Amino acid sequence: MDRNLAIKKKAQTLIQKGQVDAALAEFDKLFESGDKDPYDFILVADLLAKRGSMQEAVRRYRQAVEEYGRAELFKNAIAVCKKILRISKEDLQIHRTLGDLYAKEGLYGDAQIHYLEYAEGSIRRQEHESALDALDLVLSLSPDNEELSEKYRVVFVLSDVEGLSNEEAAKVLGLTVPAIKSRLHRARLYLREQLSRYLREGRAE
């Protein structure tokens, strides 16, 4: 019998007997041997989550996401990402991953929603470059992104990403403060409308 298959059978038997720690030890042997079956990562993550080891559970779920991604099983990867969000709601990177996965599936509305979540979270953390990258991804996926022209995008970046005051942004761009406020309002309104539209479409499907 194949060694890895024997380990899996032993681990399953231990789980049925309620010997979770021993089963997890067997799965560790399996993973150390190079076996990367995403189903096993999910099984282990579920066991870890049930006993409250959330950080370790998320690590194993992430490994499953990576393996499904490599196999181009994007819907499976998305399902696992949703498991992660249920136990780690503030996990910003998962929103970025979900954006990438939905984009690969051609579900651009869903991708934009998660890229926006990632951008907003990055702004809160003062991670400006990450927020800007995510914003660019949102715009690149929008069929009518010309509505947010470069002049509005620059104001949005200076104010919401770089954290400049209206007065500082006005000085940088050589505009009046009222003009900055108007353009920033239009930029934010565009992004909110995009998010609301895709949320409505998602519920209607």
Foldseek 3Di string as FASTA:
>chain_A
DDPLVVLQVVLVVCVVVVNNVVSLVSVVVNVVVVDQALVSLQVNLVSCVVVPVLVSSLVSLVSSLVVCVVVVVLVVSLVSLVVNCVSVVLPLVSLQVNLVSCVSVVNNLSSLLSLCVNLLSCLVVLVQVSNLVSVVSNLVSDPPSCQLPPVLSLLLSVCRRVPDDLVVSCVVVVHDSVVSVVSPVSSVVVSVVSNVVSVVVVVVD
